[in-house]
């Protein structure tokens, strides 16, 4: 078998417009994160903390907000995507990781922290209680994000 002398170009070295065209087809938050996690160069180029939250928010809006309020509450219960906040609270991540997640949501999707009753979304401290994550609840109280 003959060996090829063609050099391969990593995805992150493609011209920016081609790279952005490829990225624009990623609609799932976890797929975006997994792509970013393939290398340090991709992690630096993609800004996954922000983009995953943007995609997550879009997914939430598409799944929940098209329905009347009573149906929204039901759909929230069966929402098929576990958000980063849900994961951090449910798996009882260390407080420094949780705090970074809280900061990201405050910057990109503050309604996740404060809740939005008309969407059927409760404040994040309710979910800390739901998952029996008392460390998270204390962190939220100390930060003035829970009563």
N, C-alpha and C. Protein backbone atom coordinates (compact mmCIF):
# COMPACT_ATOMS: atom_id res chain seq x y z
N UNK A 1 0.84 -1.17 0.00
CA UNK A 1 0.00 0.00 0.00
C UNK A 1 0.89 1.24 0.00
N UNK A 2 0.64 2.13 -0.90
CA UNK A 2 1.45 3.34 -1.01
C UNK A 2 1.05 4.32 0.08
N UNK A 3 2.05 4.97 0.61
CA UNK A 3 1.78 5.95 1.65
C UNK A 3 1.52 7.30 1.01
N UNK A 4 0.59 8.03 1.58
CA UNK A 4 0.22 9.34 1.05
C UNK A 4 1.08 10.42 1.68
N UNK A 5 1.53 11.36 0.89
CA UNK A 5 2.31 12.48 1.39
C UNK A 5 1.45 13.71 1.65
N UNK A 6 0.16 13.58 1.46
CA UNK A 6 -0.73 14.71 1.68
C UNK A 6 -0.77 15.04 3.18
N UNK A 7 -0.66 16.30 3.48
CA UNK A 7 -0.77 16.70 4.89
C UNK A 7 -2.25 16.89 5.22
N UNK A 8 -2.57 16.62 6.44
CA UNK A 8 -3.95 16.77 6.90
C UNK A 8 -4.08 18.07 7.68
N UNK A 9 -5.16 18.77 7.47
CA UNK A 9 -5.42 20.01 8.18
C UNK A 9 -6.39 19.75 9.31
N UNK A 10 -6.00 20.06 10.54
CA UNK A 10 -6.96 19.92 11.64
C UNK A 10 -8.15 20.85 11.43
N UNK A 11 -9.28 20.45 11.94
CA UNK A 11 -10.51 21.23 11.77
C UNK A 11 -10.33 22.67 12.22
N UNK A 12 -9.63 22.88 13.33
CA UNK A 12 -9.49 24.24 13.86
C UNK A 12 -8.55 25.11 13.02
N UNK A 13 -7.82 24.51 12.07
CA UNK A 13 -6.95 25.29 11.18
C UNK A 13 -7.60 25.63 9.85
N UNK A 14 -8.83 25.22 9.66
CA UNK A 14 -9.53 25.57 8.42
C UNK A 14 -9.75 27.08 8.38
N UNK A 15 -9.93 27.64 7.20
CA UNK A 15 -10.28 29.06 7.12
C UNK A 15 -11.52 29.33 7.97
N UNK A 16 -11.56 30.47 8.61
CA UNK A 16 -12.61 30.80 9.58
C UNK A 16 -14.02 30.64 9.03
N UNK A 17 -14.25 31.08 7.79
CA UNK A 17 -15.61 30.99 7.24
C UNK A 17 -16.05 29.54 7.04
N UNK A 18 -15.13 28.67 6.68
CA UNK A 18 -15.45 27.24 6.52
C UNK A 18 -15.69 26.62 7.90
N UNK A 19 -14.82 26.95 8.83
CA UNK A 19 -14.97 26.44 10.19
C UNK A 19 -16.32 26.85 10.77
N UNK A 20 -16.70 28.12 10.62
CA UNK A 20 -17.98 28.60 11.15
C UNK A 20 -19.16 27.93 10.46
N UNK A 21 -19.03 27.66 9.18
CA UNK A 21 -20.10 26.97 8.44
C UNK A 21 -20.32 25.58 9.03
N UNK A 22 -19.25 24.88 9.32
CA UNK A 22 -19.35 23.54 9.92
C UNK A 22 -19.99 23.63 11.30
N UNK A 23 -19.51 24.54 12.12
CA UNK A 23 -20.00 24.69 13.49
C UNK A 23 -21.48 25.08 13.50
N UNK A 24 -21.91 25.84 12.52
CA UNK A 24 -23.31 26.30 12.51
C UNK A 24 -24.31 25.15 12.39
N UNK A 25 -23.86 23.98 11.99
CA UNK A 25 -24.75 22.82 11.86
C UNK A 25 -24.87 22.01 13.14
N UNK A 26 -24.14 22.39 14.14
CA UNK A 26 -24.23 21.70 15.44
C UNK A 26 -25.36 22.32 16.23
N UNK A 27 -26.35 21.53 16.56
CA UNK A 27 -27.52 22.05 17.28
C UNK A 27 -27.68 21.45 18.67
N UNK A 28 -26.95 20.40 18.96
CA UNK A 28 -27.06 19.76 20.27
C UNK A 28 -25.95 20.25 21.19
N UNK A 29 -26.30 20.72 22.39
CA UNK A 29 -25.28 21.23 23.31
C UNK A 29 -24.17 20.22 23.61
N UNK A 30 -24.55 18.97 23.82
CA UNK A 30 -23.52 17.97 24.15
C UNK A 30 -22.60 17.68 22.97
N UNK A 31 -23.11 17.74 21.75
CA UNK A 31 -22.26 17.55 20.57
C UNK A 31 -21.24 18.68 20.46
N UNK A 32 -21.68 19.89 20.73
CA UNK A 32 -20.77 21.03 20.67
C UNK A 32 -19.66 20.87 21.71
N UNK A 33 -20.06 20.48 22.91
CA UNK A 33 -19.07 20.30 23.98
C UNK A 33 -18.08 19.20 23.62
N UNK A 34 -18.58 18.09 23.10
CA UNK A 34 -17.69 16.97 22.75
C UNK A 34 -16.72 17.36 21.64
N UNK A 35 -17.18 18.15 20.69
CA UNK A 35 -16.27 18.64 19.65
C UNK A 35 -15.19 19.53 20.27
N UNK A 36 -15.59 20.42 21.15
CA UNK A 36 -14.63 21.31 21.80
C UNK A 36 -13.62 20.53 22.63
N UNK A 37 -14.07 19.43 23.22
CA UNK A 37 -13.21 18.65 24.10
C UNK A 37 -12.21 17.76 23.36
N UNK A 38 -12.23 17.78 22.03
CA UNK A 38 -11.32 16.91 21.28
C UNK A 38 -9.86 17.34 21.39
N UNK A 39 -9.62 18.61 21.67
CA UNK A 39 -8.23 19.07 21.84
C UNK A 39 -8.23 20.41 22.56
N UNK A 40 -7.07 20.78 23.08
CA UNK A 40 -6.94 22.09 23.72
C UNK A 40 -7.17 23.21 22.72
N UNK A 41 -6.66 23.02 21.51
CA UNK A 41 -6.83 24.04 20.48
C UNK A 41 -8.32 24.27 20.18
N UNK A 42 -9.10 23.18 20.10
CA UNK A 42 -10.54 23.31 19.84
C UNK A 42 -11.23 23.95 21.05
N UNK A 43 -10.82 23.57 22.24
CA UNK A 43 -11.41 24.13 23.45
C UNK A 43 -11.19 25.65 23.47
N UNK A 44 -10.00 26.08 23.11
CA UNK A 44 -9.70 27.52 23.09
C UNK A 44 -10.45 28.25 21.99
N UNK A 45 -10.62 27.61 20.87
CA UNK A 45 -11.27 28.26 19.71
C UNK A 45 -12.79 28.36 19.87
N UNK A 46 -13.40 27.38 20.49
CA UNK A 46 -14.87 27.28 20.47
C UNK A 46 -15.60 27.97 21.62
N UNK A 47 -14.95 28.26 22.74
CA UNK A 47 -15.63 28.85 23.89
C UNK A 47 -16.86 28.02 24.28
N UNK A 48 -16.66 26.77 24.65
CA UNK A 48 -17.81 25.89 24.90
C UNK A 48 -18.69 26.31 26.06
N UNK A 49 -18.14 26.97 27.07
CA UNK A 49 -18.98 27.36 28.21
C UNK A 49 -20.12 28.25 27.73
N UNK A 50 -19.84 29.20 26.89
CA UNK A 50 -20.88 30.11 26.40
C UNK A 50 -21.77 29.41 25.38
N UNK A 51 -21.18 28.78 24.39
CA UNK A 51 -21.95 28.21 23.29
C UNK A 51 -22.87 27.08 23.72
N UNK A 52 -22.43 26.25 24.65
CA UNK A 52 -23.29 25.17 25.14
C UNK A 52 -24.52 25.77 25.81
N UNK A 53 -24.34 26.84 26.57
CA UNK A 53 -25.50 27.48 27.20
C UNK A 53 -26.42 28.12 26.17
N UNK A 54 -25.84 28.70 25.14
CA UNK A 54 -26.66 29.29 24.08
C UNK A 54 -27.49 28.20 23.39
N UNK A 55 -26.85 27.08 23.05
CA UNK A 55 -27.57 25.98 22.40
C UNK A 55 -28.61 25.37 23.34
N UNK A 56 -28.24 25.25 24.60
CA UNK A 56 -29.16 24.71 25.60
C UNK A 56 -30.40 25.60 25.72
N UNK A 57 -30.18 26.90 25.74
CA UNK A 57 -31.29 27.85 25.84
C UNK A 57 -32.19 27.76 24.62
N UNK A 58 -31.59 27.66 23.46
CA UNK A 58 -32.38 27.54 22.23
C UNK A 58 -33.22 26.25 22.26
N UNK A 59 -32.61 25.17 22.69
CA UNK A 59 -33.32 23.89 22.78
C UNK A 59 -34.50 24.01 23.76
N UNK A 60 -34.26 24.65 24.88
CA UNK A 60 -35.30 24.85 25.88
C UNK A 60 -36.45 25.66 25.29
N UNK A 61 -36.13 26.76 24.62
CA UNK A 61 -37.16 27.61 24.02
C UNK A 61 -37.99 26.83 23.01
N UNK A 62 -37.33 26.06 22.17
CA UNK A 62 -38.04 25.30 21.14
C UNK A 62 -38.95 24.24 21.76
N UNK A 63 -38.52 23.64 22.85
CA UNK A 63 -39.26 22.53 23.45
C UNK A 63 -40.39 23.01 24.36
N UNK A 64 -40.20 24.13 25.04
CA UNK A 64 -41.14 24.55 26.06
C UNK A 64 -42.04 25.71 25.63
N UNK A 65 -41.46 26.75 25.08
CA UNK A 65 -42.18 28.02 24.96
C UNK A 65 -43.25 28.07 23.89
N UNK A 66 -43.33 27.08 23.05
CA UNK A 66 -44.36 27.11 22.02
C UNK A 66 -45.73 26.66 22.54
N UNK A 67 -45.79 26.25 23.79
CA UNK A 67 -47.02 25.71 24.35
C UNK A 67 -47.64 26.65 25.37
N UNK A 68 -48.94 26.50 25.64
CA UNK A 68 -49.59 27.30 26.68
C UNK A 68 -49.01 26.96 28.06
N UNK A 69 -49.13 27.88 29.03
CA UNK A 69 -48.50 27.69 30.35
C UNK A 69 -48.76 26.35 31.03
N UNK A 70 -49.98 25.84 30.99
CA UNK A 70 -50.26 24.57 31.67
C UNK A 70 -49.48 23.42 31.04
N UNK A 71 -49.34 23.43 29.74
CA UNK A 71 -48.60 22.38 29.04
C UNK A 71 -47.09 22.53 29.28
N UNK A 72 -46.63 23.77 29.42
CA UNK A 72 -45.20 24.01 29.68
C UNK A 72 -44.74 23.28 30.92
N UNK A 73 -45.55 23.36 31.97
CA UNK A 73 -45.17 22.70 33.23
C UNK A 73 -45.03 21.18 33.03
N UNK A 74 -45.93 20.61 32.28
CA UNK A 74 -45.86 19.17 32.01
C UNK A 74 -44.62 18.86 31.18
N UNK A 75 -44.37 19.66 30.15
CA UNK A 75 -43.21 19.42 29.28
C UNK A 75 -41.90 19.61 30.04
N UNK A 76 -41.87 20.52 31.02
CA UNK A 76 -40.65 20.69 31.83
C UNK A 76 -40.30 19.41 32.57
N UNK A 77 -41.33 18.72 33.05
CA UNK A 77 -41.10 17.48 33.79
C UNK A 77 -40.44 16.43 32.90
N UNK A 78 -40.79 16.40 31.64
CA UNK A 78 -40.26 15.38 30.73
C UNK A 78 -39.26 15.94 29.74
N UNK A 79 -38.70 17.13 30.04
CA UNK A 79 -37.72 17.75 29.15
C UNK A 79 -36.58 16.76 28.93
N UNK A 80 -36.30 16.40 27.66
CA UNK A 80 -35.38 15.30 27.39
C UNK A 80 -33.90 15.65 27.53
N UNK A 81 -33.59 16.90 27.81
CA UNK A 81 -32.19 17.29 27.88
C UNK A 81 -31.84 17.70 29.30
N UNK A 82 -30.79 17.13 29.86
CA UNK A 82 -30.33 17.54 31.17
C UNK A 82 -29.38 18.71 31.02
N UNK A 83 -29.77 19.84 31.56
CA UNK A 83 -28.95 21.04 31.43
C UNK A 83 -27.67 20.88 32.25
N UNK A 84 -26.73 21.78 32.00
CA UNK A 84 -25.49 21.78 32.77
C UNK A 84 -25.80 22.03 34.24
N UNK A 85 -26.75 22.93 34.50
CA UNK A 85 -27.13 23.20 35.90
C UNK A 85 -27.73 21.96 36.54
N UNK A 86 -28.62 21.30 35.82
CA UNK A 86 -29.22 20.07 36.33
C UNK A 86 -28.12 19.05 36.67
N UNK A 87 -27.18 18.87 35.76
CA UNK A 87 -26.07 17.93 35.99
C UNK A 87 -25.25 18.33 37.21
N UNK A 88 -24.91 19.61 37.33
CA UNK A 88 -24.07 20.06 38.44
C UNK A 88 -24.76 19.86 39.78
N UNK A 89 -26.06 20.12 39.83
CA UNK A 89 -26.80 19.93 41.09
C UNK A 89 -27.05 18.46 41.38
N UNK A 90 -27.48 17.73 40.37
CA UNK A 90 -27.83 16.31 40.55
C UNK A 90 -26.63 15.47 40.96
N UNK A 91 -25.47 15.75 40.36
CA UNK A 91 -24.27 14.95 40.64
C UNK A 91 -23.43 15.52 41.76
N UNK A 92 -23.94 16.60 42.37
CA UNK A 92 -23.27 17.24 43.51
C UNK A 92 -21.81 17.56 43.21
N UNK A 93 -21.63 18.31 42.13
CA UNK A 93 -20.30 18.74 41.72
C UNK A 93 -19.67 19.61 42.81
N UNK A 94 -18.34 19.66 42.86
CA UNK A 94 -17.67 20.54 43.84
C UNK A 94 -18.15 21.98 43.68
N UNK A 95 -18.11 22.73 44.77
CA UNK A 95 -18.68 24.07 44.77
C UNK A 95 -17.98 25.03 43.81
N UNK A 96 -16.70 24.84 43.55
CA UNK A 96 -16.03 25.74 42.59
C UNK A 96 -16.58 25.51 41.18
N UNK A 97 -16.86 24.27 40.83
CA UNK A 97 -17.45 23.97 39.52
C UNK A 97 -18.87 24.51 39.46
N UNK A 98 -19.64 24.27 40.51
CA UNK A 98 -21.02 24.77 40.54
C UNK A 98 -21.03 26.29 40.44
N UNK A 99 -20.13 26.96 41.14
CA UNK A 99 -20.09 28.42 41.09
C UNK A 99 -19.79 28.91 39.68
N UNK A 100 -18.89 28.24 38.97
CA UNK A 100 -18.61 28.61 37.58
C UNK A 100 -19.85 28.43 36.71
N UNK A 101 -20.59 27.37 36.94
CA UNK A 101 -21.83 27.12 36.19
C UNK A 101 -22.85 28.22 36.50
N UNK A 102 -22.99 28.57 37.77
CA UNK A 102 -23.91 29.64 38.17
C UNK A 102 -23.51 30.94 37.48
N UNK A 103 -22.22 31.27 37.48
CA UNK A 103 -21.75 32.50 36.85
C UNK A 103 -22.07 32.51 35.35
N UNK A 104 -21.88 31.37 34.70
CA UNK A 104 -22.19 31.28 33.28
C UNK A 104 -23.68 31.52 33.02
N UNK A 105 -24.52 30.91 33.83
CA UNK A 105 -25.96 31.12 33.65
C UNK A 105 -26.36 32.56 33.94
N UNK A 106 -25.76 33.15 34.95
CA UNK A 106 -26.06 34.56 35.24
C UNK A 106 -25.72 35.44 34.03
N UNK A 107 -24.64 35.10 33.34
CA UNK A 107 -24.20 35.89 32.20
C UNK A 107 -25.04 35.63 30.95
N UNK A 108 -25.43 34.38 30.70
CA UNK A 108 -26.04 34.02 29.42
C UNK A 108 -27.52 33.62 29.49
N UNK A 109 -27.96 33.17 30.64
CA UNK A 109 -29.36 32.75 30.78
C UNK A 109 -29.80 32.93 32.24
N UNK A 110 -29.90 34.18 32.70
CA UNK A 110 -30.18 34.43 34.12
C UNK A 110 -31.52 33.87 34.61
N UNK A 111 -32.47 33.66 33.71
CA UNK A 111 -33.76 33.11 34.13
C UNK A 111 -33.61 31.71 34.72
N UNK A 112 -32.53 31.00 34.38
CA UNK A 112 -32.30 29.68 34.97
C UNK A 112 -32.00 29.83 36.46
N UNK A 113 -31.30 30.90 36.83
CA UNK A 113 -30.97 31.13 38.23
C UNK A 113 -32.16 31.69 39.00
N UNK A 114 -32.82 32.68 38.41
CA UNK A 114 -33.91 33.37 39.11
C UNK A 114 -35.27 32.75 38.89
N UNK A 115 -35.39 31.88 37.90
CA UNK A 115 -36.68 31.29 37.56
C UNK A 115 -37.49 32.23 36.69
N UNK A 116 -38.50 31.69 36.09
CA UNK A 116 -39.41 32.48 35.26
C UNK A 116 -40.77 31.79 35.31
N UNK A 117 -41.62 32.20 36.26
CA UNK A 117 -42.88 31.49 36.49
C UNK A 117 -43.75 31.35 35.25
N UNK A 118 -43.77 32.37 34.38
CA UNK A 118 -44.62 32.27 33.20
C UNK A 118 -44.16 31.19 32.24
N UNK A 119 -42.93 30.73 32.40
CA UNK A 119 -42.42 29.61 31.60
C UNK A 119 -42.54 28.29 32.35
N UNK A 120 -42.92 28.37 33.62
CA UNK A 120 -42.97 27.16 34.44
C UNK A 120 -41.61 26.81 35.02
N UNK A 121 -40.67 27.76 34.99
CA UNK A 121 -39.31 27.51 35.45
C UNK A 121 -39.12 28.07 36.86
N UNK A 122 -38.77 27.20 37.78
CA UNK A 122 -38.55 27.62 39.16
C UNK A 122 -37.11 28.11 39.35
N UNK A 123 -36.86 28.90 40.41
CA UNK A 123 -35.48 29.34 40.67
C UNK A 123 -34.57 28.15 40.95
N UNK A 124 -33.29 28.35 40.71
CA UNK A 124 -32.33 27.26 40.83
C UNK A 124 -32.28 26.68 42.24
N UNK A 125 -32.54 27.48 43.26
CA UNK A 125 -32.47 26.94 44.61
C UNK A 125 -33.53 25.86 44.83
N UNK A 126 -34.64 25.92 44.11
CA UNK A 126 -35.66 24.86 44.21
C UNK A 126 -35.10 23.52 43.73
N UNK A 127 -34.28 23.58 42.69
CA UNK A 127 -33.68 22.36 42.15
C UNK A 127 -32.58 21.85 43.07
N UNK A 128 -31.90 22.75 43.76
CA UNK A 128 -30.91 22.32 44.76
C UNK A 128 -31.62 21.52 45.85
N UNK A 129 -32.79 21.99 46.26
CA UNK A 129 -33.58 21.25 47.24
C UNK A 129 -34.08 19.92 46.67
N UNK A 130 -34.58 19.96 45.44
CA UNK A 130 -35.08 18.76 44.79
C UNK A 130 -34.03 17.65 44.78
N UNK A 131 -32.78 18.02 44.49
CA UNK A 131 -31.70 17.04 44.43
C UNK A 131 -30.99 16.86 45.77
N UNK A 132 -31.57 17.44 46.83
CA UNK A 132 -31.03 17.32 48.18
C UNK A 132 -29.55 17.73 48.22
N UNK A 133 -29.24 18.80 47.52
CA UNK A 133 -27.86 19.29 47.46
C UNK A 133 -27.76 20.51 48.38
N UNK A 134 -27.54 20.23 49.66
CA UNK A 134 -27.51 21.29 50.67
C UNK A 134 -26.29 22.20 50.52
N UNK A 135 -25.17 21.65 50.07
CA UNK A 135 -23.99 22.50 49.83
C UNK A 135 -24.29 23.55 48.77
N UNK A 136 -24.97 23.12 47.71
CA UNK A 136 -25.34 24.06 46.65
C UNK A 136 -26.32 25.09 47.18
N UNK A 137 -27.28 24.67 47.99
CA UNK A 137 -28.25 25.59 48.55
C UNK A 137 -27.54 26.64 49.40
N UNK A 138 -26.59 26.22 50.23
CA UNK A 138 -25.83 27.17 51.06
C UNK A 138 -25.02 28.14 50.19
N UNK A 139 -24.44 27.64 49.12
CA UNK A 139 -23.69 28.50 48.19
C UNK A 139 -24.63 29.56 47.60
N UNK A 140 -25.81 29.15 47.19
CA UNK A 140 -26.78 30.07 46.60
C UNK A 140 -27.27 31.09 47.63
N UNK A 141 -27.48 30.65 48.84
CA UNK A 141 -27.91 31.57 49.91
C UNK A 141 -26.82 32.59 50.19
N UNK A 142 -25.58 32.11 50.34
CA UNK A 142 -24.44 33.00 50.60
C UNK A 142 -24.24 34.03 49.49
N UNK A 143 -24.57 33.65 48.25
CA UNK A 143 -24.42 34.55 47.12
C UNK A 143 -25.63 35.46 46.93
N UNK A 144 -26.65 35.31 47.79
CA UNK A 144 -27.85 36.12 47.68
C UNK A 144 -28.77 35.67 46.55
N UNK A 145 -28.63 34.42 46.12
CA UNK A 145 -29.44 33.90 45.03
C UNK A 145 -30.54 32.96 45.50
N UNK A 146 -30.71 32.87 46.81
CA UNK A 146 -31.78 32.06 47.39
C UNK A 146 -32.22 32.72 48.68
N UNK A 147 -33.50 32.54 49.04
CA UNK A 147 -34.00 33.17 50.28
C UNK A 147 -33.43 32.51 51.52
